[in-house]
Amino acid sequence: MKVLAFDTSNYTTSVAVFDGNGGKNASRLLDVAPGALGLRQSDALFAHVKRLPELADRLFYDMGAFIPDAVGASTRPRAVEGSYMPCFLAGQAQAEVFSSALKIPFYAFSHQQGHVAASVWSAGRMELLDKPHLAWHLSGGTTELLYITPEGVSVHAEKIGGTTDISAGQLIDRTGQLLELPFPAGKAIDALSKEGSGKEFFRVKVQDMSFSLSGVQNKIQEFYAHGASKADTAAYALRCLIGAIIKATENALRQYPHCEVIFAGGVSSNTMLRERCRALPAVFCAPEFSTDNAMGTAILTWRAHNAGL
């Protein structure tokens, strides 16, 4: 049994196939003009519509023709009331056309649920989908610490902490803009930080499991304005951010002492973050499944269809 899934997030177009054991994902970042900090939703939606045929060709090139048994899509950012983002309509529309034309079931999940599923599958920890655990969703639009519990074939994500203002990804991208790096800046900041030196960082105040990052942005700007190199500034920004994430995680583990912590979302592919979380019961997936992808939605689609839903 094979299923097909789509995820058209704010900056990445993705299509994936999954057969219960393995699968294949094809993704591509949307083009963002140099110096810009993102795309308008209307532009992102249009770009997804243009990109989907190209990605489908790439995905199916060496697979040969096949008819999926079911199709799924990420239809909203989070599985909570009021969660909506127009760019997800591109993937949802494609999936619903497949469903109607081929008379196969269509399953809808949230982008966040897909991130969790892709992370545990890539890490070889699929059993975590069926038991409580903690998860960080660290991305350009989200920095949430979640308490994950099973919900049928999918998961329920309860926000218990995270940022109260800008996200980790936004902080990284704004640092990238300051340093004249391409958007999104995650990979460039990661690489540049490895050339940096020093141990200085701004200690973010963490209240229980929540914290603000807007003040950190000001500190990064001051650090760079006072003559720090680009490499040192990139490393400084990451040390500030990671310090807050680790403190919030430690606080969460006091309340949920028997839980492991999954790291999902593009920011979780960062090298320094992975190194500094070694003392925690942290579970990281392959970097290609930390970033936006359709594999998680394909996995949840397969689970739903396999369960006869």
Protein backbone atom coordinates (compact mmCIF):
# COMPACT_ATOMS: atom_id res chain seq x y z
CA MET A 1 0.00 0.00 0.00
CA LYS A 2 1.39 3.38 -1.05
CA VAL A 3 0.06 6.82 -0.24
CA LEU A 4 0.78 10.28 -1.64
CA ALA A 5 0.93 13.51 0.37
CA PHE A 6 1.44 17.25 -0.12
CA ASP A 7 2.71 20.01 2.13
CA THR A 8 2.84 23.59 0.85
CA SER A 9 4.14 25.60 3.79
CA ASN A 10 5.13 29.24 3.84
CA TYR A 11 8.51 28.72 2.14
CA THR A 12 8.73 25.10 0.94
CA THR A 13 6.81 23.01 -1.60
CA SER A 14 6.85 19.28 -0.80
CA VAL A 15 5.45 16.04 -2.19
CA ALA A 16 6.04 12.58 -0.68
CA VAL A 17 5.22 8.90 -1.10
CA PHE A 18 5.19 6.41 1.81
CA ASP A 19 4.53 2.65 1.86
CA GLY A 20 4.52 1.86 5.57
CA ASN A 21 8.26 1.30 5.87
CA GLY A 22 10.03 3.81 3.68
CA GLY A 23 9.29 6.56 1.27
CA LYS A 24 10.57 9.40 -0.82
CA ASN A 25 10.18 13.14 -0.34
CA ALA A 26 10.81 15.92 -2.87
CA SER A 27 11.03 19.49 -1.56
CA ARG A 28 12.12 22.87 -2.84
CA LEU A 29 12.35 26.25 -1.16
CA LEU A 30 10.38 29.10 -2.69
CA ASP A 31 12.43 31.93 -4.19
CA VAL A 32 12.74 35.04 -2.00
CA ALA A 33 14.27 38.27 -3.30
CA PRO A 34 17.70 39.17 -1.84
CA GLY A 35 17.33 41.24 1.32
CA ALA A 36 13.68 40.30 1.82
CA LEU A 37 12.40 38.51 4.92
CA GLY A 38 9.80 36.32 3.29
CA LEU A 39 6.87 36.30 0.87
CA ARG A 40 3.31 37.54 0.95
CA GLN A 41 0.82 34.69 1.21
CA SER A 42 -0.57 35.42 -2.26
CA ASP A 43 2.93 35.17 -3.77
CA ALA A 44 3.70 31.97 -1.83
CA LEU A 45 0.44 30.37 -2.98
CA PHE A 46 1.15 31.26 -6.62
CA ALA A 47 4.72 29.92 -6.35
CA HIS A 48 3.49 26.60 -4.92
CA VAL A 49 1.04 26.15 -7.80
CA LYS A 50 3.90 26.66 -10.27
CA ARG A 51 6.30 24.33 -8.42
CA LEU A 52 4.08 21.33 -7.76
CA PRO A 53 4.29 19.81 -11.29
CA GLU A 54 8.11 20.12 -11.23
CA LEU A 55 8.34 18.38 -7.85
CA ALA A 56 5.93 15.64 -8.91
CA ASP A 57 8.13 14.96 -11.95
CA ARG A 58 11.19 14.73 -9.70
CA LEU A 59 9.44 12.44 -7.21
CA PHE A 60 8.01 10.03 -9.77
CA TYR A 61 10.92 10.04 -12.24
CA ASP A 62 12.43 6.73 -11.13
CA MET A 63 9.31 5.23 -9.55
CA GLY A 64 7.27 4.49 -12.63
CA ALA A 65 3.53 4.92 -12.80
CA PHE A 66 1.48 4.07 -9.74
CA ILE A 67 -1.96 4.81 -8.34
CA PRO A 68 -1.88 5.75 -4.65
CA ASP A 69 -4.24 3.99 -2.29
CA ALA A 70 -4.90 7.24 -0.41
CA VAL A 71 -3.82 10.87 -0.51
CA GLY A 72 -3.21 13.41 2.25
CA ALA A 73 -2.24 17.03 2.74
CA SER A 74 -1.23 19.50 5.41
CA THR A 75 -4.19 21.87 5.42
CA ARG A 76 -3.30 24.29 8.23
CA PRO A 77 -0.37 25.21 10.48
CA ARG A 78 -1.71 23.68 13.72
CA ALA A 79 -4.59 21.44 14.69
CA VAL A 80 -6.34 24.16 16.68
CA GLU A 81 -9.42 26.25 15.98
CA GLY A 82 -8.70 29.29 13.83
CA SER A 83 -5.35 28.04 12.51
CA TYR A 84 -5.22 29.05 8.84
CA MET A 85 -2.68 30.00 6.20
CA PRO A 86 -3.65 30.36 2.52
CA CYS A 87 -0.47 28.75 1.14
CA PHE A 88 -1.64 25.32 2.34
CA LEU A 89 -4.54 25.51 -0.14
CA ALA A 90 -2.15 24.66 -2.99
CA GLY A 91 -1.31 21.21 -1.64
CA GLN A 92 -4.81 20.59 -0.33
CA ALA A 93 -6.34 21.32 -3.75
CA GLN A 94 -3.95 18.93 -5.49
CA ALA A 95 -4.72 16.19 -2.98
CA GLU A 96 -8.48 16.64 -3.30
CA VAL A 97 -8.25 16.44 -7.11
CA PHE A 98 -6.40 13.10 -6.79
CA SER A 99 -9.02 11.91 -4.32
CA SER A 100 -11.93 12.79 -6.61
CA ALA A 101 -10.36 11.54 -9.83
CA LEU A 102 -9.07 8.23 -8.46
CA LYS A 103 -11.89 7.61 -5.94
CA ILE A 104 -9.42 7.26 -3.08
CA PRO A 105 -9.68 8.63 0.48
CA PHE A 106 -8.34 12.07 1.34
CA TYR A 107 -6.89 12.73 4.81
CA ALA A 108 -6.13 16.15 6.27
CA PHE A 109 -3.53 16.86 8.94
CA SER A 110 -1.79 19.92 10.29
CA HIS A 111 1.70 21.00 9.28
CA GLN A 112 2.77 20.65 12.92
CA GLN A 113 1.47 17.08 13.19
CA GLY A 114 3.42 16.26 10.03
CA HIS A 115 6.62 17.68 11.52
CA VAL A 116 6.28 15.47 14.60
CA ALA A 117 5.58 12.35 12.52
CA ALA A 118 8.49 12.98 10.14
CA SER A 119 10.86 13.56 13.04
CA VAL A 120 10.07 10.37 14.96
CA TRP A 121 10.09 8.27 11.77
CA SER A 122 13.43 9.68 10.60
CA ALA A 123 14.92 9.12 14.07
CA GLY A 124 13.74 5.49 14.05
CA ARG A 125 11.40 6.15 16.97
CA MET A 126 7.94 5.56 15.51
CA GLU A 127 6.76 4.15 18.84
CA LEU A 128 6.74 7.72 20.17
CA LEU A 129 3.62 8.43 18.09
CA ASP A 130 1.78 6.09 20.43
CA LYS A 131 2.96 7.42 23.78
CA PRO A 132 3.31 10.81 25.49
CA HIS A 133 6.44 12.85 24.86
CA LEU A 134 7.62 16.43 24.58
CA ALA A 135 8.39 18.12 21.28
CA TRP A 136 9.95 21.39 20.22
CA HIS A 137 8.58 22.80 16.97
CA LEU A 138 11.33 25.25 15.99
CA SER A 139 10.81 26.97 12.66
CA GLY A 140 10.48 30.28 10.87
CA GLY A 141 6.95 30.79 12.09
CA THR A 142 6.79 28.72 15.26
CA THR A 143 8.75 28.19 18.45
CA GLU A 144 6.52 26.04 20.60
CA LEU A 145 7.26 23.49 23.30
CA LEU A 146 4.54 20.85 23.06
CA TYR A 147 3.21 18.04 25.19
CA ILE A 148 2.36 15.33 22.64
CA THR A 149 -0.21 12.62 23.30
CA PRO A 150 -1.63 10.01 20.91
CA GLU A 151 -4.84 10.99 19.12
CA GLY A 152 -6.02 8.06 17.04
CA VAL A 153 -3.51 7.59 14.21
CA SER A 154 -2.19 11.12 14.69
CA VAL A 155 -1.09 13.19 17.68
CA HIS A 156 -2.54 15.91 19.88
CA ALA A 157 -0.15 18.78 20.55
CA GLU A 158 -0.71 20.91 23.65
CA LYS A 159 1.42 24.04 23.80
CA ILE A 160 3.12 24.26 27.21
CA GLY A 161 5.88 26.75 26.41
CA GLY A 162 7.96 28.50 23.79
CA THR A 163 8.32 32.10 22.69
CA THR A 164 5.87 34.85 23.52
CA ASP A 165 6.83 36.99 20.51
CA ILE A 166 9.13 36.31 17.55
CA SER A 167 10.10 32.76 16.66
CA ALA A 168 13.55 31.17 16.67
CA GLY A 169 13.53 31.12 12.89
CA GLN A 170 12.63 34.80 12.72
CA LEU A 171 15.49 35.65 15.07
CA ILE A 172 17.89 33.69 12.88
CA ASP A 173 16.55 35.24 9.66
CA ARG A 174 16.77 38.77 11.10
CA THR A 175 20.32 38.05 12.18
CA GLY A 176 20.96 36.83 8.65
CA GLN A 177 19.57 40.04 7.21
CA LEU A 178 21.83 42.03 9.57
CA LEU A 179 24.81 40.02 8.30
CA GLU A 180 23.66 40.25 4.65
CA LEU A 181 23.04 36.51 4.30
CA PRO A 182 20.47 34.90 1.96
CA PHE A 183 16.94 34.14 3.18
CA PRO A 184 16.13 31.81 4.85
CA ALA A 185 19.35 32.22 6.78
CA GLY A 186 19.44 29.02 8.85
CA LYS A 187 22.07 27.12 6.86
CA ALA A 188 24.26 30.19 6.37
CA ILE A 189 24.12 31.10 10.08
CA ASP A 190 24.94 27.49 10.99
CA ALA A 191 27.99 27.41 8.72
CA LEU A 192 29.19 30.90 9.69
CA SER A 193 28.87 30.24 13.43
CA LYS A 194 31.39 27.39 13.17
CA GLU A 195 34.03 30.01 12.30
CA GLY A 196 33.15 32.16 15.32
CA SER A 197 34.90 32.30 18.66
CA GLY A 198 34.08 33.40 22.19
CA LYS A 199 31.59 32.23 24.77
CA GLU A 200 29.69 35.45 25.47
CA PHE A 201 25.89 35.36 25.31
CA PHE A 202 22.86 37.21 26.61
CA ARG A 203 20.97 35.17 29.20
CA VAL A 204 17.31 35.18 28.20
CA LYS A 205 14.84 35.27 31.09
CA VAL A 206 12.80 32.07 31.02
CA GLN A 207 9.50 32.10 32.90
CA ASP A 208 8.58 28.47 33.56
CA MET A 209 8.79 27.21 29.96
CA SER A 210 8.22 30.47 28.07
CA PHE A 211 10.51 33.30 26.98
CA SER A 212 10.75 36.38 24.76
CA LEU A 213 13.26 36.78 21.94
CA SER A 214 12.65 40.38 20.87
CA GLY A 215 15.20 41.64 23.41
CA VAL A 216 17.74 39.15 22.08
CA GLN A 217 17.44 40.70 18.64
CA ASN A 218 18.44 44.08 20.09
CA LYS A 219 21.41 42.50 21.88
CA ILE A 220 22.60 40.86 18.65
CA GLN A 221 22.41 44.19 16.82
CA GLU A 222 24.42 45.86 19.61
CA PHE A 223 26.99 43.05 19.60
CA TYR A 224 27.57 43.43 15.86
CA ALA A 225 27.55 47.25 15.98
CA HIS A 226 30.34 47.18 18.57
CA GLY A 227 32.71 45.57 16.07
CA ALA A 228 32.08 41.83 16.30
CA SER A 229 32.78 39.85 13.15
CA LYS A 230 29.97 38.21 11.20
CA ALA A 231 31.08 34.77 12.36
CA ASP A 232 31.23 35.82 16.02
CA THR A 233 27.81 37.48 15.71
CA ALA A 234 26.27 34.35 14.20
CA ALA A 235 27.68 32.24 17.04
CA TYR A 236 26.56 34.79 19.65
CA ALA A 237 22.99 34.76 18.28
CA LEU A 238 22.83 30.97 18.44
CA ARG A 239 24.25 30.82 21.97
CA CYS A 240 21.56 33.25 23.18
CA LEU A 241 18.77 31.32 21.49
CA ILE A 242 19.95 27.85 22.49
CA GLY A 243 20.46 28.89 26.10
CA ALA A 244 16.76 29.79 26.34
CA ILE A 245 15.64 26.59 24.62
CA ILE A 246 17.72 24.41 26.96
CA LYS A 247 16.52 26.22 30.10
CA ALA A 248 12.86 25.87 29.05
CA THR A 249 13.45 22.19 28.26
CA GLU A 250 15.04 21.55 31.65
CA ASN A 251 12.05 23.20 33.35
CA ALA A 252 9.65 21.07 31.30
CA LEU A 253 11.47 17.86 32.20
CA ARG A 254 10.93 18.63 35.88
CA GLN A 255 7.18 18.56 35.23
CA TYR A 256 7.32 15.67 32.73
CA PRO A 257 10.26 13.65 34.08
CA HIS A 258 9.66 10.48 32.10
CA CYS A 259 9.32 12.11 28.69
CA GLU A 260 11.79 12.23 25.84
CA VAL A 261 12.04 15.43 23.80
CA ILE A 262 11.65 15.39 20.03
CA PHE A 263 13.15 18.30 18.11
CA ALA A 264 11.25 19.16 14.92
CA GLY A 265 11.25 22.05 12.48
CA GLY A 266 13.99 23.61 10.40
CA VAL A 267 15.85 25.26 13.29
CA SER A 268 16.33 21.84 14.90
CA SER A 269 18.81 20.94 12.15
CA ASN A 270 21.26 23.48 13.63
CA THR A 271 24.63 21.94 14.55
CA MET A 272 25.22 23.93 17.76
CA LEU A 273 21.74 23.12 19.06
CA ARG A 274 22.30 19.40 18.53
CA GLU A 275 25.69 19.50 20.24
CA ARG A 276 24.46 21.43 23.29
CA CYS A 277 21.42 19.20 23.83
CA ARG A 278 23.46 16.02 24.26
CA ALA A 279 22.90 16.01 28.02
CA LEU A 280 19.12 16.03 27.53
CA PRO A 281 16.88 13.06 26.60
CA ALA A 282 16.69 14.65 23.15
CA VAL A 283 15.71 12.93 19.91
CA PHE A 284 16.87 14.58 16.68
CA CYS A 285 16.00 13.41 13.20
CA ALA A 286 17.96 13.64 9.96
CA PRO A 287 18.36 17.30 8.96
CA GLU A 288 16.40 16.83 5.73
CA PHE A 289 13.37 15.82 7.78
CA SER A 290 13.81 18.65 10.28
CA THR A 291 13.02 21.17 7.57
CA ASP A 292 9.57 21.39 5.96
CA ASN A 293 8.58 18.21 4.12
CA ALA A 294 5.56 16.13 3.12
CA MET A 295 6.88 12.85 4.56
CA GLY A 296 5.24 13.34 7.95
CA THR A 297 1.85 13.94 6.36
CA ALA A 298 2.39 10.87 4.15
CA ILE A 299 3.17 8.77 7.25
CA LEU A 300 0.00 9.94 9.01
CA THR A 301 -2.02 9.36 5.82
CA TRP A 302 -0.71 5.79 5.64
CA ARG A 303 -1.56 5.20 9.31
CA ALA A 304 -5.08 6.53 8.80
CA HIS A 305 -5.74 4.42 5.71
CA ASN A 306 -4.16 1.34 7.25
CA ALA A 307 -6.51 1.73 10.22
CA GLY A 308 -9.49 1.74 7.86
CA LEU A 309 -10.51 5.32 8.63
